[in-house]
Amino acid sequence: MSSDIHRLEDPSAALELFDGWDETTVWSALDGTMGEIYVGRAMTAACVLLGDFALLASPAEDADAVQALLAGVQAEIDHPMLLAAPDEAQFALCRSLLCDMGGGVRYATRKESGVFDPARLRRFAADVPAGYTLSGMTPEIWAQIREKGGWMRDFISNFADYASFSAQALGVFALRNGEIVCGASSYSVFDGGIEIEIGTHEAHRRRHLARACAAQLILDCLERGLYPSWDAANLESLGLAQQLGYRFSHTYPYLTLAPQAVVDACFDKKYGEAALQAAALLEGEPEPVPCMANLAALLFETLDRVNWAGFYTVQSDGSLLLGPFQGKPACVRIARGRGVCGAACEAAETQLVPDVHAFPGHIACDSASRSELVVPVVRDGAVRAVLDIDSPIRNRFTERERALAEKIADLLAAKF
């Protein structure tokens, strides 16, 4: 993590940030049972990391703090995580700050006691086909899960060893000839309950094994005074939960939060393909205007989290005249040396500006723009045009975007 991002030693310090979020992963971290909470210096945003989940809250919707926190988390994680936020506004903020690596929807159930029918659950638990048996967690089952992993890895993935699982968690497993074929276990634990993880080997589905294991696990939880929370990954899981007595609460979206190394590899491939496409678009066309039009469209489609991409051409008096672009209407003429575009033209050097509001003389054609990348198009030692790309978030552009833009500017230079 960067020096500005750190793990909270006292989880209760983040209580206010997560206030009202009815999510057991948050509870686990706040009560110190499991998981970690990371925050920035300003304490306006916090992120819980537990297993495959990252839950981020920033009630003040502090974009800079959230951006820094997400970057710090991505630099540290080694596998993709599901990122969720407590409400639509905070989720939208996260989405605006991240490159699109996918996402989806999950289904929350109500967290309410007294809704389970023990007699019905006992019938479900007893409905096990011949040749199968149910078992609680044992050292042998733990060892089998640890050795085989795969579809059953998350039955124990958030516990260090058998002893810690036995001390905090519960699990029920369907066995056939001693092999685990289905299970309902504790994905995580919190003070007073568990979060259920359920799975069945594909060769043993449609035999009510998941229902039997889950029913027995719920009964075991009720006997011990624990609440068995259920968060459904899909409609099939939600349907099973409803059979067992849970009631649907709401859907919530999530984003895929990928490790930075994965993001880098993805963009290296994407930008490499864009450079090849740019060369193909320019091939055989001698006029600069249609070339700039196609390149602006290509960049606007290729780059995420940008609100403007286009060109200005250099006039005889040194001013810049608006050329082909994608985005909102822009300044038609820019005086010589004015703004980021003028600076790039005067210096004949790329300008990568993390925060346009800190750039002297910045011209706000679109008040929503926060960062900017401007690359001069140079032929025979003279600047003929500039490529201008704007983003509504700070620190949007990296050396990766710079390299792509400079490659495209080099290709375009031959048309002037």
Protein backbone atom coordinates (compact mmCIF):
# COMPACT_ATOMS: atom_id res chain seq x y z
CA MET A 1 0.00 0.00 0.00
CA SER A 2 1.06 3.61 -0.51
CA SER A 3 2.08 5.64 2.52
CA ASP A 4 -1.32 7.35 2.44
CA ILE A 5 -3.22 4.06 2.72
CA HIS A 6 -2.97 1.92 5.82
CA ARG A 7 -4.71 -0.93 7.61
CA LEU A 8 -6.74 0.03 10.64
CA GLU A 9 -5.45 -1.45 13.86
CA ASP A 10 -8.71 -0.50 15.58
CA PRO A 11 -11.61 -1.55 13.29
CA SER A 12 -14.11 0.40 15.37
CA ALA A 13 -12.56 3.60 14.00
CA ALA A 14 -14.40 2.91 10.74
CA LEU A 15 -17.83 2.40 12.32
CA GLU A 16 -19.17 5.74 11.14
CA LEU A 17 -18.10 5.12 7.54
CA PHE A 18 -19.97 1.81 7.36
CA ASP A 19 -22.95 2.89 9.45
CA GLY A 20 -26.19 1.27 8.30
CA TRP A 21 -24.62 -1.19 5.85
CA ASP A 22 -26.41 -4.45 6.58
CA GLU A 23 -23.64 -6.71 5.31
CA THR A 24 -21.99 -9.52 7.30
CA THR A 25 -18.60 -9.06 5.63
CA VAL A 26 -18.55 -5.55 7.07
CA TRP A 27 -19.66 -6.87 10.45
CA SER A 28 -16.84 -9.45 10.43
CA ALA A 29 -14.24 -6.74 9.90
CA LEU A 30 -15.75 -4.20 12.28
CA ASP A 31 -15.98 -6.66 15.15
CA GLY A 32 -12.43 -7.86 14.52
CA THR A 33 -13.42 -11.46 13.78
CA MET A 34 -11.84 -11.62 10.32
CA GLY A 35 -10.98 -9.44 7.36
CA GLU A 36 -9.07 -6.18 7.19
CA ILE A 37 -10.06 -2.53 6.83
CA TYR A 38 -7.96 -0.07 4.84
CA VAL A 39 -8.33 3.70 4.98
CA GLY A 40 -6.62 6.87 3.81
CA ARG A 41 -5.24 9.61 6.00
CA ALA A 42 -8.37 11.72 5.79
CA MET A 43 -10.59 8.83 6.97
CA THR A 44 -13.26 9.74 4.41
CA ALA A 45 -13.22 6.34 2.72
CA ALA A 46 -12.62 2.79 3.90
CA CYS A 47 -12.47 -0.62 2.26
CA VAL A 48 -13.07 -4.01 3.86
CA LEU A 49 -11.15 -6.91 2.34
CA LEU A 50 -12.29 -10.42 3.17
CA GLY A 51 -11.77 -13.40 0.91
CA ASP A 52 -13.01 -12.51 -2.56
CA PHE A 53 -14.93 -9.42 -1.41
CA ALA A 54 -13.95 -5.76 -1.25
CA LEU A 55 -16.60 -3.51 0.31
CA LEU A 56 -15.91 0.19 -0.01
CA ALA A 57 -17.70 3.03 1.75
CA SER A 58 -17.30 6.79 1.45
CA PRO A 59 -20.43 8.54 2.75
CA ALA A 60 -18.92 11.90 1.77
CA GLU A 61 -18.27 10.54 -1.76
CA ASP A 62 -14.69 11.78 -1.60
CA ALA A 63 -13.52 10.92 -5.13
CA ASP A 64 -9.83 11.55 -4.47
CA ALA A 65 -9.82 9.37 -1.35
CA VAL A 66 -11.74 6.58 -3.08
CA GLN A 67 -9.44 6.70 -6.09
CA ALA A 68 -6.33 6.45 -3.91
CA LEU A 69 -7.84 3.64 -1.88
CA LEU A 70 -8.82 1.61 -4.93
CA ALA A 71 -5.35 2.06 -6.43
CA GLY A 72 -3.74 0.94 -3.19
CA VAL A 73 -5.92 -2.15 -2.97
CA GLN A 74 -5.34 -3.10 -6.61
CA ALA A 75 -1.59 -2.86 -6.10
CA GLU A 76 -1.76 -5.34 -3.23
CA ILE A 77 -4.33 -8.01 -4.17
CA ASP A 78 -3.29 -11.13 -6.09
CA HIS A 79 -6.70 -12.25 -7.37
CA PRO A 80 -9.86 -10.56 -8.71
CA MET A 81 -12.31 -9.40 -6.05
CA LEU A 82 -15.99 -8.45 -6.02
CA LEU A 83 -16.28 -4.75 -5.19
CA ALA A 84 -19.55 -3.47 -3.72
CA ALA A 85 -20.67 -0.20 -2.14
CA PRO A 86 -23.52 0.64 0.26
CA ASP A 87 -25.67 2.70 -2.11
CA GLU A 88 -26.11 3.69 -5.75
CA ALA A 89 -24.18 6.96 -5.48
CA GLN A 90 -21.12 5.39 -3.88
CA PHE A 91 -21.22 2.49 -6.34
CA ALA A 92 -21.42 4.93 -9.26
CA LEU A 93 -18.40 6.77 -7.88
CA CYS A 94 -16.38 3.53 -7.74
CA ARG A 95 -17.45 2.63 -11.27
CA SER A 96 -16.39 6.05 -12.59
CA LEU A 97 -12.91 5.62 -11.11
CA LEU A 98 -12.18 2.08 -12.30
CA CYS A 99 -11.43 0.64 -15.70
CA ASP A 100 -14.19 -1.72 -16.79
CA MET A 101 -13.21 -5.28 -15.90
CA GLY A 102 -16.77 -6.57 -15.65
CA GLY A 103 -19.20 -7.11 -12.80
CA GLY A 104 -22.64 -8.44 -12.05
CA VAL A 105 -25.53 -8.60 -9.62
CA ARG A 106 -26.02 -10.50 -6.37
CA TYR A 107 -29.16 -11.16 -4.34
CA ALA A 108 -29.36 -10.26 -0.67
CA THR A 109 -31.76 -11.96 1.73
CA ARG A 110 -33.31 -10.37 4.77
CA LYS A 111 -31.38 -10.87 7.97
CA GLU A 112 -34.20 -11.77 10.30
CA SER A 113 -34.58 -14.33 13.07
CA GLY A 114 -37.60 -16.52 13.74
CA VAL A 115 -38.30 -17.24 10.07
CA PHE A 116 -37.00 -20.80 9.99
CA ASP A 117 -39.23 -23.85 10.44
CA PRO A 118 -37.11 -26.49 12.24
CA ALA A 119 -39.47 -29.34 11.34
CA ARG A 120 -39.29 -28.45 7.65
CA LEU A 121 -35.52 -28.13 7.84
CA ARG A 122 -35.22 -31.55 9.49
CA ARG A 123 -37.22 -33.09 6.63
CA PHE A 124 -34.92 -31.47 4.11
CA ALA A 125 -31.83 -32.66 6.01
CA ALA A 126 -33.14 -36.21 6.04
CA ASP A 127 -33.89 -36.19 2.31
CA VAL A 128 -30.54 -37.66 1.28
CA PRO A 129 -30.39 -40.21 -1.56
CA ALA A 130 -29.11 -43.71 -0.89
CA GLY A 131 -25.34 -43.94 -1.04
CA TYR A 132 -24.78 -40.45 0.40
CA THR A 133 -24.16 -39.45 4.00
CA LEU A 134 -23.93 -36.08 5.78
CA SER A 135 -21.04 -35.16 8.03
CA GLY A 136 -19.84 -32.17 9.96
CA MET A 137 -16.31 -30.87 9.58
CA THR A 138 -13.60 -33.38 10.50
CA PRO A 139 -9.81 -33.34 10.13
CA GLU A 140 -10.19 -35.73 7.17
CA ILE A 141 -12.72 -33.50 5.42
CA TRP A 142 -10.56 -30.44 6.05
CA ALA A 143 -7.55 -32.21 4.55
CA GLN A 144 -9.56 -33.30 1.50
CA ILE A 145 -10.77 -29.75 0.84
CA ARG A 146 -7.27 -28.36 1.33
CA GLU A 147 -5.78 -30.93 -1.07
CA LYS A 148 -8.38 -30.74 -3.85
CA GLY A 149 -9.52 -27.12 -3.71
CA GLY A 150 -11.39 -26.25 -6.89
CA TRP A 151 -15.15 -25.94 -6.49
CA MET A 152 -14.91 -26.60 -2.75
CA ARG A 153 -12.02 -24.28 -1.84
CA ASP A 154 -14.23 -21.56 -0.35
CA PHE A 155 -15.62 -23.97 2.25
CA ILE A 156 -12.45 -23.18 4.24
CA SER A 157 -10.55 -20.51 2.28
CA ASN A 158 -10.84 -17.82 4.93
CA PHE A 159 -9.58 -19.94 7.81
CA ALA A 160 -5.92 -20.56 8.59
CA ASP A 161 -6.27 -24.13 9.80
CA TYR A 162 -8.64 -26.80 11.08
CA ALA A 163 -8.35 -25.58 14.65
CA SER A 164 -9.44 -22.04 13.81
CA PHE A 165 -12.35 -23.33 11.72
CA SER A 166 -13.50 -25.65 14.48
CA ALA A 167 -13.31 -22.86 17.04
CA GLN A 168 -15.34 -20.36 15.01
CA ALA A 169 -17.26 -22.02 12.21
CA LEU A 170 -19.57 -24.84 11.14
CA GLY A 171 -19.92 -26.94 8.03
CA VAL A 172 -22.02 -29.85 6.74
CA PHE A 173 -20.87 -32.01 3.85
CA ALA A 174 -22.41 -34.72 1.69
CA LEU A 175 -20.09 -37.65 1.13
CA ARG A 176 -20.17 -40.52 -1.33
CA ASN A 177 -17.65 -43.27 -0.73
CA GLY A 178 -15.77 -40.88 1.53
CA GLU A 179 -15.47 -38.17 -1.14
CA ILE A 180 -16.99 -34.71 -0.70
CA VAL A 181 -19.64 -34.12 -3.38
CA CYS A 182 -21.54 -31.22 -1.80
CA GLY A 183 -21.24 -28.90 1.13
CA ALA A 184 -22.66 -25.98 3.08
CA SER A 185 -19.98 -24.28 5.10
CA SER A 186 -18.89 -21.01 6.68
CA TYR A 187 -17.43 -18.62 4.15
CA SER A 188 -16.87 -16.14 6.96
CA VAL A 189 -17.90 -15.59 10.54
CA PHE A 190 -18.96 -12.61 12.57
CA ASP A 191 -19.98 -12.05 16.16
CA GLY A 192 -23.19 -14.08 16.42
CA GLY A 193 -23.28 -15.79 13.05
CA ILE A 194 -21.79 -17.15 9.86
CA GLU A 195 -22.03 -16.35 6.14
CA ILE A 196 -22.96 -19.52 4.26
CA GLU A 197 -20.95 -20.87 1.33
CA ILE A 198 -22.59 -23.64 -0.65
CA GLY A 199 -21.51 -25.77 -3.58
CA THR A 200 -22.09 -29.10 -5.30
CA HIS A 201 -19.88 -31.13 -7.62
CA GLU A 202 -21.39 -30.94 -11.11
CA ALA A 203 -21.77 -34.72 -11.32
CA HIS A 204 -23.98 -34.81 -8.22
CA ARG A 205 -26.39 -31.94 -8.81
CA ARG A 206 -30.22 -32.12 -8.93
CA ARG A 207 -30.32 -34.59 -6.02
CA HIS A 208 -31.30 -32.15 -3.24
CA LEU A 209 -27.86 -32.52 -1.66
CA ALA A 210 -27.34 -28.76 -1.36
CA ARG A 211 -30.73 -28.39 0.28
CA ALA A 212 -29.96 -31.20 2.74
CA CYS A 213 -26.54 -29.81 3.68
CA ALA A 214 -27.84 -26.24 4.02
CA ALA A 215 -30.84 -27.34 6.09
CA GLN A 216 -28.61 -29.23 8.51
CA LEU A 217 -26.17 -26.32 8.72
CA ILE A 218 -29.00 -23.91 9.56
CA LEU A 219 -30.25 -26.30 12.24
CA ASP A 220 -26.75 -26.53 13.72
CA CYS A 221 -26.51 -22.73 13.74
CA LEU A 222 -29.87 -22.34 15.45
CA GLU A 223 -28.85 -24.88 18.07
CA ARG A 224 -25.75 -22.83 18.86
CA GLY A 225 -27.49 -19.48 18.77
CA LEU A 226 -25.80 -18.36 15.54
CA TYR A 227 -27.43 -16.58 12.63
CA PRO A 228 -26.86 -18.32 9.25
CA SER A 229 -26.67 -15.44 6.76
CA TRP A 230 -27.24 -16.18 3.07
CA ASP A 231 -26.11 -13.91 0.22
CA ALA A 232 -27.05 -15.43 -3.15
CA ALA A 233 -24.70 -15.31 -6.13
CA ASN A 234 -27.49 -16.16 -8.59
CA LEU A 235 -31.22 -16.84 -8.87
CA GLU A 236 -30.74 -20.57 -8.34
CA SER A 237 -29.06 -19.89 -5.01
CA LEU A 238 -31.81 -17.42 -4.09
CA GLY A 239 -34.47 -20.02 -4.92
CA LEU A 240 -32.82 -22.55 -2.62
CA ALA A 241 -32.57 -19.95 0.14
CA GLN A 242 -36.29 -19.24 -0.16
CA GLN A 243 -37.10 -22.95 0.12
CA LEU A 244 -35.17 -22.96 3.38
CA GLY A 245 -37.10 -20.02 4.82
CA TYR A 246 -35.14 -16.93 3.81
CA ARG A 247 -36.94 -13.95 2.31
CA PHE A 248 -35.57 -11.89 -0.56
CA SER A 249 -34.38 -8.39 0.35
CA HIS A 250 -32.78 -6.68 -2.66
CA THR A 251 -30.33 -6.98 -5.51
CA TYR A 252 -27.04 -5.15 -5.46
CA PRO A 253 -24.42 -4.63 -8.18
CA TYR A 254 -20.75 -5.39 -7.94
CA LEU A 255 -17.66 -4.60 -10.00
CA THR A 256 -14.68 -6.83 -10.64
CA LEU A 257 -11.68 -5.31 -8.88
CA ALA A 258 -8.68 -6.81 -10.63
CA PRO A 259 -5.06 -6.83 -9.46
CA GLN A 260 -3.06 -4.05 -11.08
CA ALA A 261 -0.91 -6.59 -12.95
CA VAL A 262 -4.04 -8.01 -14.59
CA VAL A 263 -5.26 -4.53 -15.50
CA ASP A 264 -1.87 -3.68 -16.99
CA ALA A 265 -1.83 -6.81 -19.14
CA CYS A 266 -5.38 -6.16 -20.32
CA PHE A 267 -4.60 -2.61 -21.38
CA ASP A 268 -1.31 -3.54 -23.00
CA LYS A 269 -3.26 -5.89 -25.25
CA LYS A 270 -6.12 -3.44 -25.84
CA TYR A 271 -3.86 -0.50 -26.67
CA GLY A 272 -1.65 -2.63 -28.89
CA GLU A 273 -4.69 -3.60 -30.91
CA ALA A 274 -5.82 0.06 -31.05
CA ALA A 275 -2.44 1.13 -32.46
CA LEU A 276 -2.71 -1.49 -35.20
CA GLN A 277 -6.27 -0.36 -35.97
CA ALA A 278 -5.12 3.26 -36.15
CA ALA A 279 -2.50 2.37 -38.74
CA ALA A 280 -5.10 0.50 -40.79
CA LEU A 281 -7.53 3.44 -40.65
CA LEU A 282 -4.91 5.83 -42.01
CA GLU A 283 -3.60 3.58 -44.74
CA GLY A 284 -4.28 4.95 -48.21
CA GLU A 285 -5.89 8.23 -47.07
CA PRO A 286 -3.70 11.30 -47.74
CA GLU A 287 -6.01 13.98 -46.29
CA PRO A 288 -5.54 14.79 -42.57
CA VAL A 289 -9.16 15.72 -41.72
CA PRO A 290 -10.77 12.30 -42.27
CA CYS A 291 -7.76 10.70 -40.62
CA MET A 292 -8.21 12.87 -37.52
CA ALA A 293 -11.95 12.13 -37.49
CA ASN A 294 -11.38 8.38 -37.44
CA LEU A 295 -8.58 8.58 -34.89
CA ALA A 296 -10.70 10.70 -32.54
CA ALA A 297 -13.50 8.13 -32.77
CA LEU A 298 -11.06 5.26 -32.19
CA LEU A 299 -9.56 6.88 -29.10
CA PHE A 300 -12.94 7.81 -27.66
CA GLU A 301 -14.11 4.20 -28.00
CA THR A 302 -10.84 2.65 -26.79
CA LEU A 303 -10.17 4.77 -23.72
CA ASP A 304 -12.52 4.42 -20.78
CA ARG A 305 -13.28 7.28 -18.39
CA VAL A 306 -12.63 10.03 -20.95
CA ASN A 307 -15.07 12.80 -21.87
CA TRP A 308 -13.32 14.32 -24.88
CA ALA A 309 -10.86 13.23 -27.53
CA GLY A 310 -9.92 15.22 -30.59
CA PHE A 311 -7.53 17.48 -32.44
CA TYR A 312 -6.59 21.11 -32.82
CA THR A 313 -4.62 22.22 -35.87
CA VAL A 314 -1.93 24.91 -35.75
CA GLN A 315 -2.71 28.11 -37.65
CA SER A 316 -0.27 30.56 -39.28
CA ASP A 317 -0.44 32.91 -36.27
CA GLY A 318 0.37 30.09 -33.84
CA SER A 319 -3.19 29.75 -32.54
CA LEU A 320 -5.03 26.43 -32.47
CA LEU A 321 -8.23 25.74 -34.42
CA LEU A 322 -10.69 23.03 -33.43
CA GLY A 323 -10.57 19.95 -35.63
CA PRO A 324 -12.41 16.60 -35.60
CA PHE A 325 -13.35 15.39 -32.11
CA GLN A 326 -15.62 13.21 -29.97
CA GLY A 327 -17.38 14.60 -26.91
CA LYS A 328 -19.12 17.80 -25.91
CA PRO A 329 -18.78 21.04 -27.94
CA ALA A 330 -15.34 22.53 -27.35
CA CYS A 331 -13.43 25.81 -27.59
CA VAL A 332 -13.17 26.67 -31.29
CA ARG A 333 -9.92 28.66 -31.09
CA ILE A 334 -7.14 28.63 -28.52
CA ALA A 335 -4.67 31.52 -28.48
CA ARG A 336 -1.01 30.76 -28.88
CA GLY A 337 0.52 29.33 -25.71
CA ARG A 338 -2.78 29.18 -23.81
CA GLY A 339 -3.81 26.21 -21.68
CA VAL A 340 -2.49 22.66 -21.83
CA CYS A 341 -2.89 22.48 -25.62
CA GLY A 342 -0.97 25.71 -26.10
CA ALA A 343 1.80 24.52 -23.78
CA ALA A 344 2.17 21.27 -25.73
CA CYS A 345 2.33 23.19 -28.97
CA GLU A 346 4.87 25.75 -27.74
CA ALA A 347 7.17 23.17 -26.16
CA ALA A 348 6.59 20.53 -28.86
CA GLU A 349 6.34 18.08 -25.97
CA THR A 350 3.63 15.87 -24.53
CA GLN A 351 1.76 17.34 -21.55
CA LEU A 352 0.39 14.78 -19.07
CA VAL A 353 -1.58 16.72 -16.46
CA PRO A 354 -2.91 14.79 -13.44
CA ASP A 355 -5.06 17.71 -12.22
CA VAL A 356 -5.99 20.44 -14.68
CA HIS A 357 -7.08 22.78 -11.88
CA ALA A 358 -3.47 22.90 -10.74
CA PHE A 359 -2.21 23.76 -14.24
CA PRO A 360 -1.56 27.51 -14.71
CA GLY A 361 -3.79 28.99 -17.39
CA HIS A 362 -5.93 25.91 -17.90
CA ILE A 363 -8.85 26.55 -20.28
CA ALA A 364 -12.05 24.91 -19.02
CA CYS A 365 -13.91 24.07 -22.24
CA ASP A 366 -15.73 21.41 -20.17
CA SER A 367 -15.90 22.11 -16.44
CA ALA A 368 -16.20 18.36 -15.79
CA SER A 369 -12.64 17.69 -16.99
CA ARG A 370 -10.14 16.95 -14.24
CA SER A 371 -7.09 15.53 -16.04
CA GLU A 372 -5.70 15.94 -19.54
CA LEU A 373 -3.24 14.45 -22.00
CA VAL A 374 -2.04 16.52 -24.96
CA VAL A 375 0.40 15.24 -27.58
CA PRO A 376 1.89 17.38 -30.37
CA VAL A 377 1.74 16.11 -33.95
CA VAL A 378 5.15 16.99 -35.35
CA ARG A 379 6.45 16.79 -38.92
CA ASP A 380 9.78 18.12 -40.17
CA GLY A 381 10.43 19.69 -36.78
CA ALA A 382 7.23 21.76 -36.75
CA VAL A 383 4.07 21.17 -34.71
CA ARG A 384 1.16 20.77 -37.14
CA ALA A 385 -1.59 19.80 -34.67
CA VAL A 386 -2.18 18.56 -31.13
CA LEU A 387 -4.07 15.50 -29.94
CA ASP A 388 -6.11 16.40 -26.85
CA ILE A 389 -7.74 13.87 -24.49
CA ASP A 390 -9.70 14.87 -21.36
CA SER A 391 -11.02 12.84 -18.43
CA PRO A 392 -13.53 13.70 -15.68
CA ILE A 393 -11.31 12.11 -13.01
CA ARG A 394 -7.92 13.07 -11.61
CA ASN A 395 -4.82 11.03 -12.45
CA ARG A 396 -6.59 9.26 -15.29
CA PHE A 397 -3.65 9.13 -17.68
CA THR A 398 -0.51 7.05 -17.23
CA GLU A 399 2.56 6.36 -19.30
CA ARG A 400 0.50 3.64 -21.00
CA GLU A 401 -2.01 6.13 -22.42
CA ARG A 402 0.83 8.51 -23.23
CA ALA A 403 2.58 5.84 -25.34
CA LEU A 404 -0.62 5.07 -27.26
CA ALA A 405 -1.37 8.74 -27.93
CA GLU A 406 2.20 9.42 -29.06
CA LYS A 407 2.09 6.43 -31.39
CA ILE A 408 -1.13 7.73 -32.95
CA ALA A 409 0.32 11.25 -33.26
CA ASP A 410 3.36 9.82 -35.06
CA LEU A 411 1.12 7.96 -37.49
CA LEU A 412 -0.93 11.10 -38.17
CA ALA A 413 2.11 13.33 -38.71
CA ALA A 414 2.70 11.79 -42.14
CA LYS A 415 -0.63 13.25 -43.35
CA PHE A 416 0.46 16.88 -42.88
